[in-house]
Amino acid sequence: QVQLVESGGGLVQPGGSLRLSCVASGSILSINTMGWYRQAPGKQRELVATLTTGGSMAQANSVKGRFTISRDNAKNMVFLQMNSLKPEDTAVYYCKAVVRLDTGRYLEPWGQGTLVTVSS
């Protein structure tokens, strides 16, 4: 199987920055899309940004110009650089990937989530 492990969350003041990391491990043949979603208290989980191996990106309007997604394909990692953070960015951030296993099957696992709190 496949595991996704996030890191980098924490408490930051408004206007500050954080960098999230996610690494995928397991019986991976290839990974197409990797990305980030978030879920604020009392709200549904929403897309933040995704990036394919080919470089195609999707991003929420609310984070454009502030957040940057990047990948290290050789290490099966995805990053989210978050700048100019706002209190409304407070949420649990989840990593997700579209993974092809060495058996040929596809999985779409989620990480366990990392909490980002933006508060003064």
Protein backbone atom coordinates (compact mmCIF):
# COMPACT_ATOMS: atom_id res chain seq x y z
CA GLN A 1 0.00 0.00 0.00
CA VAL A 2 0.88 3.67 0.08
CA GLN A 3 1.33 6.13 2.92
CA LEU A 4 1.35 9.91 2.74
CA VAL A 5 2.94 11.81 5.63
CA GLU A 6 2.60 15.58 5.98
CA SER A 7 4.74 17.91 8.06
CA GLY A 8 5.29 21.61 8.57
CA GLY A 9 2.06 22.81 10.13
CA GLY A 10 1.91 25.03 13.18
CA LEU A 11 0.91 28.38 14.62
CA VAL A 12 1.79 31.51 12.68
CA GLN A 13 0.79 35.15 12.90
CA PRO A 14 -1.24 36.82 10.15
CA GLY A 15 1.07 37.83 7.32
CA GLY A 16 3.51 35.06 8.15
CA SER A 17 4.69 32.06 6.16
CA LEU A 18 4.77 28.29 6.49
CA ARG A 19 6.00 25.50 4.26
CA LEU A 20 4.19 22.17 4.23
CA SER A 21 5.81 18.97 3.02
CA CYS A 22 4.33 15.61 2.09
CA VAL A 23 6.18 12.41 1.22
CA ALA A 24 4.64 9.30 -0.31
CA SER A 25 6.03 5.85 0.39
CA GLY A 26 5.12 2.26 -0.40
CA SER A 27 4.77 0.09 -3.47
CA ILE A 28 4.74 3.03 -5.87
CA LEU A 29 5.30 2.68 -9.59
CA SER A 30 4.43 6.26 -10.42
CA ILE A 31 2.52 9.27 -9.13
CA ASN A 32 0.50 11.43 -11.48
CA THR A 33 -1.12 14.13 -9.38
CA MET A 34 -0.11 15.31 -5.92
CA GLY A 35 -1.77 18.10 -4.08
CA TRP A 36 -3.17 19.78 -1.03
CA TYR A 37 -6.67 20.12 0.37
CA ARG A 38 -7.84 21.76 3.56
CA GLN A 39 -10.73 21.55 5.95
CA ALA A 40 -11.61 24.37 8.30
CA PRO A 41 -13.77 23.77 11.40
CA GLY A 42 -17.39 23.31 10.41
CA LYS A 43 -16.62 23.44 6.68
CA GLN A 44 -16.20 20.92 3.89
CA ARG A 45 -12.82 19.84 2.66
CA GLU A 46 -11.71 21.98 -0.28
CA LEU A 47 -8.98 21.96 -2.89
CA VAL A 48 -6.01 24.22 -2.25
CA ALA A 49 -3.66 23.27 -5.10
CA THR A 50 -2.70 20.24 -7.18
CA LEU A 51 0.18 19.62 -9.55
CA THR A 52 0.62 16.85 -12.11
CA THR A 53 3.89 15.26 -13.13
CA GLY A 54 3.55 17.10 -16.41
CA GLY A 55 3.28 20.46 -14.67
CA SER A 56 -0.45 21.12 -14.93
CA MET A 57 -1.69 22.98 -11.89
CA ALA A 58 -5.04 23.69 -10.27
CA GLN A 59 -5.34 26.24 -7.50
CA ALA A 60 -8.10 27.79 -5.42
CA ASN A 61 -8.76 31.45 -6.19
CA SER A 62 -8.46 32.26 -2.50
CA VAL A 63 -4.77 31.29 -2.41
CA LYS A 64 -3.58 32.54 -5.81
CA GLY A 65 -0.61 34.84 -5.48
CA ARG A 66 0.05 33.68 -1.91
CA PHE A 67 0.55 29.90 -2.04
CA THR A 68 2.94 28.00 -4.30
CA ILE A 69 2.84 24.27 -4.90
CA SER A 70 5.91 22.36 -6.05
CA ARG A 71 7.11 18.77 -6.32
CA ASP A 72 10.23 16.67 -6.12
CA ASN A 73 9.18 13.78 -8.34
CA ALA A 74 12.34 11.78 -7.66
CA LYS A 75 11.54 11.76 -3.94
CA ASN A 76 7.73 11.44 -4.28
CA MET A 77 7.29 14.70 -2.42
CA VAL A 78 5.00 17.69 -2.73
CA PHE A 79 5.38 21.05 -1.01
CA LEU A 80 3.12 24.00 -0.29
CA GLN A 81 4.77 27.34 0.36
CA MET A 82 2.23 29.55 2.08
CA ASN A 83 2.91 33.27 2.31
CA SER A 84 0.84 36.21 3.51
CA LEU A 85 -1.23 33.88 5.65
CA LYS A 86 -4.64 35.02 6.83
CA PRO A 87 -6.80 33.83 9.74
CA GLU A 88 -9.19 32.29 7.19
CA ASP A 89 -6.36 29.96 6.08
CA THR A 90 -6.66 28.20 9.43
CA ALA A 91 -7.48 24.56 8.72
CA VAL A 92 -6.20 21.02 8.71
CA TYR A 93 -4.22 20.60 5.51
CA TYR A 94 -4.27 17.20 3.81
CA CYS A 95 -1.99 15.78 1.17
CA LYS A 96 -3.47 13.60 -1.56
CA ALA A 97 -1.94 11.72 -4.46
CA VAL A 98 -3.01 9.67 -7.48
CA VAL A 99 -0.68 6.70 -7.27
CA ARG A 100 -0.08 3.78 -9.60
CA LEU A 101 1.12 0.77 -7.65
CA ASP A 102 3.71 -1.67 -8.89
CA THR A 103 0.80 -4.11 -9.33
CA GLY A 104 -0.76 -1.78 -11.86
CA ARG A 105 -3.62 -0.72 -9.59
CA TYR A 106 -4.40 2.91 -8.88
CA LEU A 107 -4.98 4.38 -5.44
CA GLU A 108 -5.86 7.87 -4.21
CA PRO A 109 -4.61 7.93 -0.61
CA TRP A 110 -4.84 10.81 1.83
CA GLY A 111 -2.37 11.87 4.48
CA GLN A 112 -3.33 12.20 8.12
CA GLY A 113 -3.40 15.99 7.97
CA THR A 114 -1.38 18.79 9.53
CA LEU A 115 -2.94 21.70 11.42
CA VAL A 116 -2.23 25.25 10.34
CA THR A 117 -3.40 27.97 12.70
CA VAL A 118 -3.13 31.62 11.72
CA SER A 119 -3.69 33.83 14.73
CA SER A 120 -2.17 36.74 16.58
